[in-house]
PDB file of N, CA and C in Angstrom:
ATOM      1  N   UNK A   1     -12.947 -19.340  -9.147  1.00  0.00           N
ATOM      2  CA  UNK A   1     -11.658 -18.828  -8.700  1.00  0.00           C
ATOM      3  C   UNK A   1     -11.822 -17.390  -8.220  1.00  0.00           C
ATOM      4  N   UNK A   2     -11.095 -17.016  -7.160  1.00  0.00           N
ATOM      5  CA  UNK A   2     -11.219 -15.675  -6.600  1.00  0.00           C
ATOM      6  C   UNK A   2     -10.444 -14.661  -7.427  1.00  0.00           C
ATOM      7  N   UNK A   3     -11.034 -13.469  -7.510  1.00  0.00           N
ATOM      8  CA  UNK A   3     -10.331 -12.373  -8.179  1.00  0.00           C
ATOM      9  C   UNK A   3      -9.458 -11.648  -7.161  1.00  0.00           C
ATOM     10  N   UNK A   4      -8.376 -11.072  -7.615  1.00  0.00           N
ATOM     11  CA  UNK A   4      -7.460 -10.357  -6.723  1.00  0.00           C
ATOM     12  C   UNK A   4      -7.970  -8.940  -6.489  1.00  0.00           C
ATOM     13  N   UNK A   5      -8.526  -8.702  -5.295  1.00  0.00           N
ATOM     14  CA  UNK A   5      -9.002  -7.385  -4.899  1.00  0.00           C
ATOM     15  C   UNK A   5      -8.224  -6.949  -3.669  1.00  0.00           C
ATOM     16  N   UNK A   6      -7.962  -5.642  -3.561  1.00  0.00           N
ATOM     17  CA  UNK A   6      -7.324  -5.177  -2.320  1.00  0.00           C
ATOM     18  C   UNK A   6      -8.268  -5.359  -1.134  1.00  0.00           C
ATOM     19  N   UNK A   7      -7.710  -5.500   0.025  1.00  0.00           N
ATOM     20  CA  UNK A   7      -8.512  -5.732   1.221  1.00  0.00           C
ATOM     21  C   UNK A   7      -9.366  -4.508   1.531  1.00  0.00           C
ATOM     22  N   UNK A   8      -8.773  -3.321   1.456  1.00  0.00           N
ATOM     23  CA  UNK A   8      -9.480  -2.082   1.771  1.00  0.00           C
ATOM     24  C   UNK A   8     -10.033  -1.474   0.485  1.00  0.00           C
ATOM     25  N   UNK A   9     -11.329  -1.552   0.318  1.00  0.00           N
ATOM     26  CA  UNK A   9     -11.942  -1.031  -0.901  1.00  0.00           C
ATOM     27  C   UNK A   9     -12.686   0.275  -0.672  1.00  0.00           C
ATOM     28  N   UNK A  10     -12.533   0.876   0.527  1.00  0.00           N
ATOM     29  CA  UNK A  10     -13.183   2.153   0.788  1.00  0.00           C
ATOM     30  C   UNK A  10     -12.454   3.265   0.048  1.00  0.00           C
ATOM     31  N   UNK A  11     -13.186   4.270  -0.406  1.00  0.00           N
ATOM     32  CA  UNK A  11     -12.510   5.387  -1.073  1.00  0.00           C
ATOM     33  C   UNK A  11     -11.693   6.207  -0.066  1.00  0.00           C
ATOM     34  N   UNK A  12     -10.607   6.796  -0.528  1.00  0.00           N
ATOM     35  CA  UNK A  12      -9.747   7.595   0.351  1.00  0.00           C
ATOM     36  C   UNK A  12     -10.466   8.878   0.758  1.00  0.00           C
ATOM     37  N   UNK A  13     -10.139   9.380   1.942  1.00  0.00           N
ATOM     38  CA  UNK A  13     -10.718  10.646   2.396  1.00  0.00           C
ATOM     39  C   UNK A  13     -10.177  11.781   1.544  1.00  0.00           C
ATOM     40  N   UNK A  14     -11.041  12.694   1.185  1.00  0.00           N
ATOM     41  CA  UNK A  14     -10.632  13.802   0.336  1.00  0.00           C
ATOM     42  C   UNK A  14      -9.979  14.923   1.135  1.00  0.00           C
ATOM     43  N   UNK A  15     -10.384  15.106   2.396  1.00  0.00           N
ATOM     44  CA  UNK A  15      -9.797  16.156   3.214  1.00  0.00           C
ATOM     45  C   UNK A  15      -9.595  15.646   4.623  1.00  0.00           C
ATOM     46  N   UNK A  16      -8.681  16.280   5.378  1.00  0.00           N
ATOM     47  CA  UNK A  16      -8.443  15.849   6.755  1.00  0.00           C
ATOM     48  C   UNK A  16      -9.628  16.200   7.648  1.00  0.00           C
ATOM     49  N   UNK A  17      -9.734  15.555   8.793  1.00  0.00           N
ATOM     50  CA  UNK A  17     -10.920  15.739   9.626  1.00  0.00           C
ATOM     51  C   UNK A  17     -11.063  17.124  10.258  1.00  0.00           C
ATOM     52  N   UNK A  18      -9.955  17.837  10.557  1.00  0.00           N
ATOM     53  CA  UNK A  18     -10.070  19.087  11.295  1.00  0.00           C
ATOM     54  C   UNK A  18      -9.658  20.327  10.513  1.00  0.00           C
ATOM     55  N   UNK A  19      -9.045  20.163   9.377  1.00  0.00           N
ATOM     56  CA  UNK A  19      -8.519  21.295   8.616  1.00  0.00           C
ATOM     57  C   UNK A  19      -9.097  21.306   7.209  1.00  0.00           C
ATOM     58  N   UNK A  20      -8.908  22.429   6.536  1.00  0.00           N
ATOM     59  CA  UNK A  20      -9.394  22.538   5.152  1.00  0.00           C
ATOM     60  C   UNK A  20      -8.474  21.816   4.174  1.00  0.00           C
ATOM     61  N   UNK A  21      -7.204  21.646   4.566  1.00  0.00           N
ATOM     62  CA  UNK A  21      -6.255  20.964   3.686  1.00  0.00           C
ATOM     63  C   UNK A  21      -5.309  20.110   4.524  1.00  0.00           C
ATOM     64  N   UNK A  22      -4.579  19.248   3.853  1.00  0.00           N
ATOM     65  CA  UNK A  22      -3.628  18.383   4.551  1.00  0.00           C
ATOM     66  C   UNK A  22      -2.445  19.178   5.074  1.00  0.00           C
ATOM     67  N   UNK A  23      -2.156  20.334   4.473  1.00  0.00           N
ATOM     68  CA  UNK A  23      -1.029  21.148   4.917  1.00  0.00           C
ATOM     69  C   UNK A  23      -1.207  21.561   6.379  1.00  0.00           C
ATOM     70  N   UNK A  24      -2.414  21.908   6.774  1.00  0.00           N
ATOM     71  CA  UNK A  24      -2.686  22.261   8.163  1.00  0.00           C
ATOM     72  C   UNK A  24      -2.461  21.094   9.103  1.00  0.00           C
ATOM     73  N   UNK A  25      -2.835  19.904   8.681  1.00  0.00           N
ATOM     74  CA  UNK A  25      -2.630  18.710   9.503  1.00  0.00           C
ATOM     75  C   UNK A  25      -1.135  18.428   9.664  1.00  0.00           C
ATOM     76  N   UNK A  26      -0.367  18.604   8.587  1.00  0.00           N
ATOM     77  CA  UNK A  26       1.071  18.392   8.670  1.00  0.00           C
ATOM     78  C   UNK A  26       1.712  19.375   9.628  1.00  0.00           C
ATOM     79  N   UNK A  27       1.301  20.642   9.587  1.00  0.00           N
ATOM     80  CA  UNK A  27       1.857  21.638  10.506  1.00  0.00           C
ATOM     81  C   UNK A  27       1.485  21.325  11.949  1.00  0.00           C
ATOM     82  N   UNK A  28       0.292  20.817  12.174  1.00  0.00           N
ATOM     83  CA  UNK A  28      -0.106  20.426  13.528  1.00  0.00           C
ATOM     84  C   UNK A  28       0.796  19.299  14.041  1.00  0.00           C
ATOM     85  N   UNK A  29       1.051  18.307  13.224  1.00  0.00           N
ATOM     86  CA  UNK A  29       1.901  17.181  13.627  1.00  0.00           C
ATOM     87  C   UNK A  29       3.330  17.660  13.882  1.00  0.00           C
ATOM     88  N   UNK A  30       3.868  18.485  12.989  1.00  0.00           N
ATOM     89  CA  UNK A  30       5.227  18.988  13.174  1.00  0.00           C
ATOM     90  C   UNK A  30       5.329  19.901  14.395  1.00  0.00           C
ATOM     91  N   UNK A  31       4.322  20.730  14.615  1.00  0.00           N
ATOM     92  CA  UNK A  31       4.308  21.594  15.785  1.00  0.00           C
ATOM     93  C   UNK A  31       4.236  20.795  17.069  1.00  0.00           C
ATOM     94  N   UNK A  32       3.422  19.760  17.060  1.00  0.00           N
ATOM     95  CA  UNK A  32       3.314  18.888  18.233  1.00  0.00           C
ATOM     96  C   UNK A  32       4.650  18.194  18.500  1.00  0.00           C
ATOM     97  N   UNK A  33       5.304  17.722  17.463  1.00  0.00           N
ATOM     98  CA  UNK A  33       6.604  17.074  17.618  1.00  0.00           C
ATOM     99  C   UNK A  33       7.634  18.049  18.189  1.00  0.00           C
ATOM    100  N   UNK A  34       7.685  19.262  17.655  1.00  0.00           N
ATOM    101  CA  UNK A  34       8.632  20.261  18.154  1.00  0.00           C
ATOM    102  C   UNK A  34       8.337  20.594  19.614  1.00  0.00           C
ATOM    103  N   UNK A  35       7.070  20.723  19.964  1.00  0.00           N
ATOM    104  CA  UNK A  35       6.689  21.013  21.348  1.00  0.00           C
ATOM    105  C   UNK A  35       7.139  19.897  22.284  1.00  0.00           C
ATOM    106  N   UNK A  36       6.943  18.665  21.885  1.00  0.00           N
ATOM    107  CA  UNK A  36       7.334  17.524  22.720  1.00  0.00           C
ATOM    108  C   UNK A  36       8.854  17.472  22.898  1.00  0.00           C
ATOM    109  N   UNK A  37       9.599  17.766  21.834  1.00  0.00           N
ATOM    110  CA  UNK A  37      11.064  17.761  21.929  1.00  0.00           C
ATOM    111  C   UNK A  37      11.524  18.820  22.926  1.00  0.00           C
ATOM    112  N   UNK A  38      10.988  20.038  22.805  1.00  0.00           N
ATOM    113  CA  UNK A  38      11.367  21.115  23.718  1.00  0.00           C
ATOM    114  C   UNK A  38      10.943  20.790  25.142  1.00  0.00           C
ATOM    115  N   UNK A  39       9.762  20.251  25.316  1.00  0.00           N
ATOM    116  CA  UNK A  39       9.270  19.908  26.646  1.00  0.00           C
ATOM    117  C   UNK A  39      10.161  18.872  27.320  1.00  0.00           C
ATOM    118  N   UNK A  40      10.484  17.791  26.628  1.00  0.00           N
ATOM    119  CA  UNK A  40      11.302  16.754  27.232  1.00  0.00           C
ATOM    120  C   UNK A  40      12.742  17.216  27.443  1.00  0.00           C
ATOM    121  N   UNK A  41      13.237  18.085  26.581  1.00  0.00           N
ATOM    122  CA  UNK A  41      14.567  18.662  26.781  1.00  0.00           C
ATOM    123  C   UNK A  41      14.582  19.500  28.059  1.00  0.00           C
ATOM    124  N   UNK A  42      13.552  20.324  28.248  1.00  0.00           N
ATOM    125  CA  UNK A  42      13.471  21.161  29.441  1.00  0.00           C
ATOM    126  C   UNK A  42      13.345  20.307  30.705  1.00  0.00           C
ATOM    127  N   UNK A  43      12.576  19.252  30.641  1.00  0.00           N
ATOM    128  CA  UNK A  43      12.419  18.364  31.806  1.00  0.00           C
ATOM    129  C   UNK A  43      13.747  17.702  32.158  1.00  0.00           C
ATOM    130  N   UNK A  44      14.484  17.227  31.156  1.00  0.00           N
ATOM    131  CA  UNK A  44      15.760  16.568  31.446  1.00  0.00           C
ATOM    132  C   UNK A  44      16.779  17.571  31.985  1.00  0.00           C
ATOM    133  N   UNK A  45      16.765  18.805  31.495  1.00  0.00           N
ATOM    134  CA  UNK A  45      17.686  19.817  32.012  1.00  0.00           C
ATOM    135  C   UNK A  45      17.321  20.196  33.447  1.00  0.00           C
ATOM    136  N   UNK A  46      16.052  20.249  33.770  1.00  0.00           N
ATOM    137  CA  UNK A  46      15.611  20.621  35.106  1.00  0.00           C
ATOM    138  C   UNK A  46      16.019  19.578  36.139  1.00  0.00           C
ATOM    139  N   UNK A  47      15.897  18.302  35.799  1.00  0.00           N
ATOM    140  CA  UNK A  47      16.197  17.227  36.736  1.00  0.00           C
ATOM    141  C   UNK A  47      17.621  16.693  36.603  1.00  0.00           C
ATOM    142  N   UNK A  48      18.481  17.407  35.900  1.00  0.00           N
ATOM    143  CA  UNK A  48      19.856  16.967  35.701  1.00  0.00           C
ATOM    144  C   UNK A  48      20.658  17.059  36.975  1.00  0.00           C
TER     145      UNK A  48
END
C-alpha cells in the first residue's frame, strides 16, 4: 500500500534569489505594481 507523501518533497528556499531577505523581494513587487498602476493611469489620461 502507498504511503501518503506530498508531491513536492524539495526543501523550501531559505532566501530569495536576488535579495538578502524576503522583505526586499516584497518591496520590489510592490514597487513594480505601483509603477505599473501609475504608468497605465498616465497612458489612459494621455489618450483620453
